[in-house]
Amino acid sequence: MTFIEKLSVAWEKSNSLLCVGLDPDMNRFPEYLRGKPDSIYTFCRGIVDATADLVCAFKPQIAYFHAARAEEQLEAICAYIREQYPDIPLILDAKRGDIGATAQQYAREAFERYNADAVTLSPYMGFDSIEPYLEYRERGAIILARTSNPGGSDLQFLKVSESGKNIPLYQHVAHLVAEKWNVHGQCAMVVGATFPHEIAEVRAIIGNMPLLIPGIGAQGGNVEATVSAGKIADGTGMMINSSRAILYAGIGENENYAAISRRAAMMTRDEINRYR
């Protein structure tokens, strides 16, 4: 099953557009987990088990694992998701972008070491930095367009000449992905929930291609505006990510943290569904 097929099944099966990001910060873990050698894996497994029926995808953020020297725990949680919840897409949030030969190694890391269904990528170095990921014909390439951080405007709003018009760089990237780079039909794009107007602009360019939308929850993106701007005709088309607002909803709790995260995930899913 391809990434897009798996995502479509997950949307329908879970009745959810919610993607839960796995950004494990040990300083915010329940007290009983701190200092344990497998605390990151244990924490993430608790979140996964508590929310699996509420999500359309899980998205581990690679930096949180690597900075803690926890690559083996990242491998373990990826394997756990694939084994226990094989119908849920696994997105590796890595934002890779490098020359072709190096990109080949990053692609191996994402799709062979971590066995991800899709990976986030930066388009700044052009098509030959994306192409090695496309060689994995059934896996997804999720390409940054308009990111949720304020500093994204430094580059993403620069004007580019295209077909006699000057358009923002993020729209040029959307055109490239939709019209040239999506060679196997497994691409998606990132647009932040903090910029609903730009979500609508990208949606108009890319048609029904999926959007990964970070920025609700801790970053303050408006759910109603996000869903209105990004949904497609059948009410799907988006993976709306929330990380910290769900992971640490039970901060200060101990063994009960996952149950509180589940309630936060359920409330977020239901709020998203209210506007579909």
Protein backbone atom coordinates (compact mmCIF):
# COMPACT_ATOMS: atom_id res chain seq x y z
CA MET A 1 0.00 0.00 0.00
CA THR A 2 1.36 3.43 -0.91
CA PHE A 3 1.60 6.34 1.50
CA ILE A 4 -1.36 8.13 -0.11
CA GLU A 5 -3.47 4.96 -0.08
CA LYS A 6 -2.61 4.32 3.57
CA LEU A 7 -3.44 7.90 4.50
CA SER A 8 -6.79 7.73 2.71
CA VAL A 9 -7.70 4.55 4.60
CA ALA A 10 -6.63 6.14 7.89
CA TRP A 11 -8.80 9.22 7.29
CA GLU A 12 -11.83 7.03 6.76
CA LYS A 13 -11.14 4.44 9.44
CA SER A 14 -10.40 6.93 12.22
CA ASN A 15 -12.77 9.67 11.06
CA SER A 16 -9.91 11.98 11.97
CA LEU A 17 -7.57 14.53 10.40
CA LEU A 18 -5.46 14.71 13.57
CA CYS A 19 -1.76 13.87 13.39
CA VAL A 20 -0.02 13.50 16.75
CA GLY A 21 3.58 14.65 16.75
CA LEU A 22 6.03 12.77 18.96
CA ASP A 23 8.42 15.45 20.30
CA PRO A 24 9.76 13.86 23.49
CA ASP A 25 11.25 16.42 25.90
CA MET A 26 12.55 14.55 28.93
CA ASN A 27 12.36 17.70 31.07
CA ARG A 28 8.57 17.53 30.75
CA PHE A 29 8.17 13.80 31.38
CA PRO A 30 6.29 12.41 34.38
CA GLU A 31 8.59 12.14 37.37
CA TYR A 32 8.50 8.34 37.47
CA LEU A 33 10.00 8.13 33.96
CA ARG A 34 12.90 10.49 34.46
CA GLY A 35 16.28 8.83 34.61
CA LYS A 36 15.10 5.54 33.14
CA PRO A 37 17.22 4.38 30.19
CA ASP A 38 14.21 3.77 27.94
CA SER A 39 12.10 6.70 29.15
CA ILE A 40 11.63 8.23 25.69
CA TYR A 41 10.38 5.00 24.19
CA THR A 42 8.11 4.32 27.17
CA PHE A 43 6.66 7.83 27.10
CA CYS A 44 6.01 7.76 23.36
CA ARG A 45 4.53 4.27 23.49
CA GLY A 46 2.08 5.46 26.13
CA ILE A 47 0.99 8.35 23.89
CA VAL A 48 0.70 6.10 20.84
CA ASP A 49 -1.42 3.50 22.63
CA ALA A 50 -3.66 6.18 24.15
CA THR A 51 -4.35 8.02 20.89
CA ALA A 52 -4.05 5.46 18.09
CA ASP A 53 -7.80 5.27 17.41
CA LEU A 54 -8.04 9.09 17.24
CA VAL A 55 -5.40 9.89 14.62
CA CYS A 56 -4.70 9.70 10.91
CA ALA A 57 -0.90 9.71 11.42
CA PHE A 58 1.95 9.79 13.91
CA LYS A 59 4.90 12.12 13.34
CA PRO A 60 8.09 11.55 15.37
CA GLN A 61 10.40 14.59 15.27
CA ILE A 62 13.88 13.25 14.69
CA ALA A 63 15.77 16.04 16.48
CA TYR A 64 14.22 15.30 19.87
CA PHE A 65 15.49 11.72 19.67
CA HIS A 66 18.90 12.45 18.20
CA ALA A 67 19.68 15.26 20.66
CA ALA A 68 19.02 12.81 23.52
CA ARG A 69 21.21 10.12 21.89
CA ALA A 70 18.03 8.08 21.55
CA GLU A 71 18.20 6.89 17.95
CA GLU A 72 17.63 3.31 19.12
CA GLN A 73 14.50 4.41 20.97
CA LEU A 74 13.30 6.16 17.79
CA GLU A 75 13.86 2.92 15.88
CA ALA A 76 11.96 1.06 18.59
CA ILE A 77 8.93 3.39 18.59
CA CYS A 78 8.79 3.37 14.80
CA ALA A 79 8.88 -0.43 14.84
CA TYR A 80 6.19 -0.48 17.53
CA ILE A 81 3.87 1.72 15.48
CA ARG A 82 4.41 -0.38 12.36
CA GLU A 83 3.79 -3.64 14.24
CA GLN A 84 0.90 -2.64 16.49
CA TYR A 85 -0.84 -0.06 14.29
CA PRO A 86 0.11 -0.96 10.72
CA ASP A 87 -2.78 1.03 9.23
CA ILE A 88 -1.58 4.36 10.67
CA PRO A 89 0.89 6.31 8.51
CA LEU A 90 4.26 6.99 10.13
CA ILE A 91 5.79 10.33 9.14
CA LEU A 92 9.41 11.04 10.01
CA ASP A 93 9.73 14.78 10.63
CA ALA A 94 13.31 15.35 9.54
CA LYS A 95 13.12 18.33 7.12
CA ARG A 96 16.07 16.99 5.16
CA GLY A 97 17.54 18.84 2.20
CA ASP A 98 20.97 18.15 0.74
CA ILE A 99 22.79 17.26 -2.47
CA GLY A 100 21.81 14.08 -4.29
CA ALA A 101 24.47 11.69 -2.96
CA THR A 102 23.86 12.77 0.62
CA ALA A 103 20.11 12.77 0.08
CA GLN A 104 20.37 9.11 -0.92
CA GLN A 105 21.74 8.34 2.53
CA TYR A 106 19.06 10.39 4.27
CA ALA A 107 16.44 8.55 2.22
CA ARG A 108 17.90 5.22 3.37
CA GLU A 109 17.78 6.47 6.95
CA ALA A 110 14.10 7.49 6.71
CA PHE A 111 12.75 4.59 4.70
CA GLU A 112 15.06 1.68 5.59
CA ARG A 113 16.37 2.38 9.08
CA TYR A 114 13.17 3.92 10.49
CA ASN A 115 10.77 2.38 7.93
CA ALA A 116 8.75 5.59 7.71
CA ASP A 117 5.83 5.91 5.31
CA ALA A 118 6.82 9.51 4.55
CA VAL A 119 9.43 12.11 5.42
CA THR A 120 9.42 15.91 5.55
CA LEU A 121 11.83 17.63 3.16
CA SER A 122 13.16 21.10 2.40
CA PRO A 123 13.01 22.09 -1.30
CA TYR A 124 15.67 24.82 -1.07
CA MET A 125 18.31 22.82 -2.98
CA GLY A 126 15.98 21.87 -5.81
CA PHE A 127 14.75 18.70 -7.47
CA ASP A 128 17.97 16.68 -7.33
CA SER A 129 17.85 16.94 -3.52
CA ILE A 130 14.30 15.52 -3.55
CA GLU A 131 14.71 12.89 -6.27
CA PRO A 132 16.42 10.19 -4.13
CA TYR A 133 13.33 10.03 -1.89
CA LEU A 134 11.08 9.60 -4.92
CA GLU A 135 13.01 6.46 -5.85
CA TYR A 136 11.08 4.83 -2.99
CA ARG A 137 8.00 4.85 -5.18
CA GLU A 138 5.45 3.90 -2.49
CA ARG A 139 6.76 6.25 0.20
CA GLY A 140 5.78 9.88 0.68
CA ALA A 141 7.76 13.08 0.23
CA ILE A 142 6.22 15.92 2.25
CA ILE A 143 7.74 19.18 1.06
CA LEU A 144 7.89 22.46 2.95
CA ALA A 145 6.00 25.33 1.36
CA ARG A 146 4.78 27.88 3.94
CA THR A 147 6.06 26.98 7.38
CA SER A 148 4.34 27.86 10.67
CA ASN A 149 7.21 29.92 12.13
CA PRO A 150 7.21 33.74 11.74
CA GLY A 151 10.72 33.73 10.27
CA GLY A 152 9.53 31.68 7.31
CA SER A 153 8.50 34.97 5.70
CA ASP A 154 12.17 35.95 5.36
CA LEU A 155 12.43 33.68 2.31
CA GLN A 156 9.03 32.22 1.58
CA PHE A 157 7.49 35.57 0.61
CA LEU A 158 10.28 36.57 -1.79
CA LYS A 159 8.84 37.22 -5.24
CA VAL A 160 9.60 34.80 -8.09
CA SER A 161 8.73 35.37 -11.73
CA GLU A 162 6.51 32.60 -13.12
CA SER A 163 4.45 32.72 -16.34
CA GLY A 164 4.76 36.48 -16.49
CA LYS A 165 3.61 37.02 -12.90
CA ASN A 166 5.49 37.67 -9.69
CA ILE A 167 4.39 35.21 -7.02
CA PRO A 168 5.74 34.35 -3.55
CA LEU A 169 8.41 31.67 -3.40
CA TYR A 170 6.15 29.33 -1.38
CA GLN A 171 3.61 29.37 -4.23
CA HIS A 172 6.38 28.66 -6.75
CA VAL A 173 7.37 25.63 -4.67
CA ALA A 174 3.73 24.48 -4.67
CA HIS A 175 3.62 24.74 -8.47
CA LEU A 176 6.88 22.79 -8.80
CA VAL A 177 5.66 19.97 -6.58
CA ALA A 178 2.20 19.75 -8.13
CA GLU A 179 3.27 20.06 -11.75
CA LYS A 180 6.76 18.54 -11.98
CA TRP A 181 8.02 16.77 -8.85
CA ASN A 182 5.05 14.57 -7.92
CA VAL A 183 6.16 11.89 -10.35
CA HIS A 184 4.67 8.92 -8.48
CA GLY A 185 1.73 10.71 -6.91
CA GLN A 186 3.12 10.34 -3.37
CA CYS A 187 3.96 13.96 -2.55
CA ALA A 188 2.33 16.18 0.06
CA MET A 189 3.08 19.70 1.26
CA VAL A 190 3.59 21.52 4.55
CA VAL A 191 1.70 24.74 5.25
CA GLY A 192 1.35 26.12 8.77
CA ALA A 193 -1.98 26.58 10.51
CA THR A 194 -0.77 30.02 11.57
CA PHE A 195 -1.29 31.17 7.97
CA PRO A 196 -4.78 30.10 6.81
CA HIS A 197 -4.75 32.45 3.80
CA GLU A 198 -1.63 30.73 2.54
CA ILE A 199 -3.21 27.32 3.16
CA ALA A 200 -6.02 28.32 0.78
CA GLU A 201 -3.53 29.64 -1.78
CA VAL A 202 -1.55 26.39 -1.76
CA ARG A 203 -4.72 24.28 -1.87
CA ALA A 204 -5.80 26.14 -5.02
CA ILE A 205 -2.48 25.27 -6.67
CA ILE A 206 -2.07 21.61 -5.67
CA GLY A 207 -5.64 20.32 -5.97
CA ASN A 208 -6.30 17.27 -3.77
CA MET A 209 -2.69 16.64 -2.76
CA PRO A 210 -2.48 16.13 1.04
CA LEU A 211 -1.35 18.92 3.33
CA LEU A 212 0.59 18.41 6.55
CA ILE A 213 -0.44 21.34 8.74
CA PRO A 214 1.52 22.09 11.92
CA GLY A 215 0.76 25.02 14.17
CA ILE A 216 -2.46 24.36 16.08
CA GLY A 217 -2.28 23.86 19.83
CA ALA A 218 0.88 25.37 21.33
CA GLN A 219 1.53 27.58 18.29
CA GLY A 220 -1.97 29.04 18.33
CA GLY A 221 -3.28 28.25 14.85
CA ASN A 222 -7.05 28.62 14.46
CA VAL A 223 -8.72 25.26 13.84
CA GLU A 224 -11.83 26.58 12.08
CA ALA A 225 -9.82 28.75 9.69
CA THR A 226 -7.37 25.92 9.04
CA VAL A 227 -10.02 23.36 8.17
CA SER A 228 -11.98 25.80 6.02
CA ALA A 229 -8.88 26.73 4.03
CA GLY A 230 -7.39 23.28 3.60
CA LYS A 231 -10.11 20.66 3.30
CA ILE A 232 -11.01 19.06 -0.02
CA ALA A 233 -14.48 18.18 -1.28
CA ASP A 234 -14.86 15.03 0.84
CA GLY A 235 -13.77 16.81 4.03
CA THR A 236 -10.29 15.24 4.15
CA GLY A 237 -7.01 16.28 2.52
CA MET A 238 -5.16 17.29 5.69
CA MET A 239 -2.97 15.92 8.45
CA ILE A 240 -3.41 18.58 11.14
CA ASN A 241 -0.58 18.14 13.61
CA SER A 242 -0.56 18.80 17.33
CA SER A 243 2.43 17.85 19.44
CA ARG A 244 3.08 19.63 22.74
CA ALA A 245 -0.55 20.47 23.48
CA ILE A 246 -1.33 16.74 23.47
CA LEU A 247 1.91 15.22 24.72
CA TYR A 248 2.12 17.41 27.80
CA ALA A 249 -1.55 17.98 28.55
CA GLY A 250 -0.96 15.93 31.70
CA ILE A 251 2.26 17.61 32.75
CA GLY A 252 2.73 17.12 36.48
CA GLU A 253 0.89 13.81 36.39
CA ASN A 254 2.58 10.44 36.69
CA GLU A 255 1.11 7.18 35.40
CA ASN A 256 -2.06 9.05 34.37
CA TYR A 257 -0.32 11.22 31.74
CA ALA A 258 -1.43 9.14 28.73
CA ALA A 259 -5.10 9.21 29.71
CA ILE A 260 -4.97 13.01 29.94
CA SER A 261 -3.22 13.18 26.57
CA ARG A 262 -5.97 11.00 25.14
CA ARG A 263 -8.61 13.46 26.32
CA ALA A 264 -6.68 16.33 24.74
CA ALA A 265 -6.37 14.42 21.48
CA MET A 266 -10.07 13.57 21.49
CA MET A 267 -11.02 17.21 22.06
CA THR A 268 -8.72 18.29 19.22
CA ARG A 269 -10.06 15.66 16.83
CA ASP A 270 -13.64 16.60 17.66
CA GLU A 271 -12.95 20.31 17.18
CA ILE A 272 -11.42 19.61 13.77
CA ASN A 273 -14.39 17.42 12.79
CA ARG A 274 -16.81 20.17 13.82
CA TYR A 275 -15.66 22.24 10.83
CA ARG A 276 -15.31 19.51 8.20
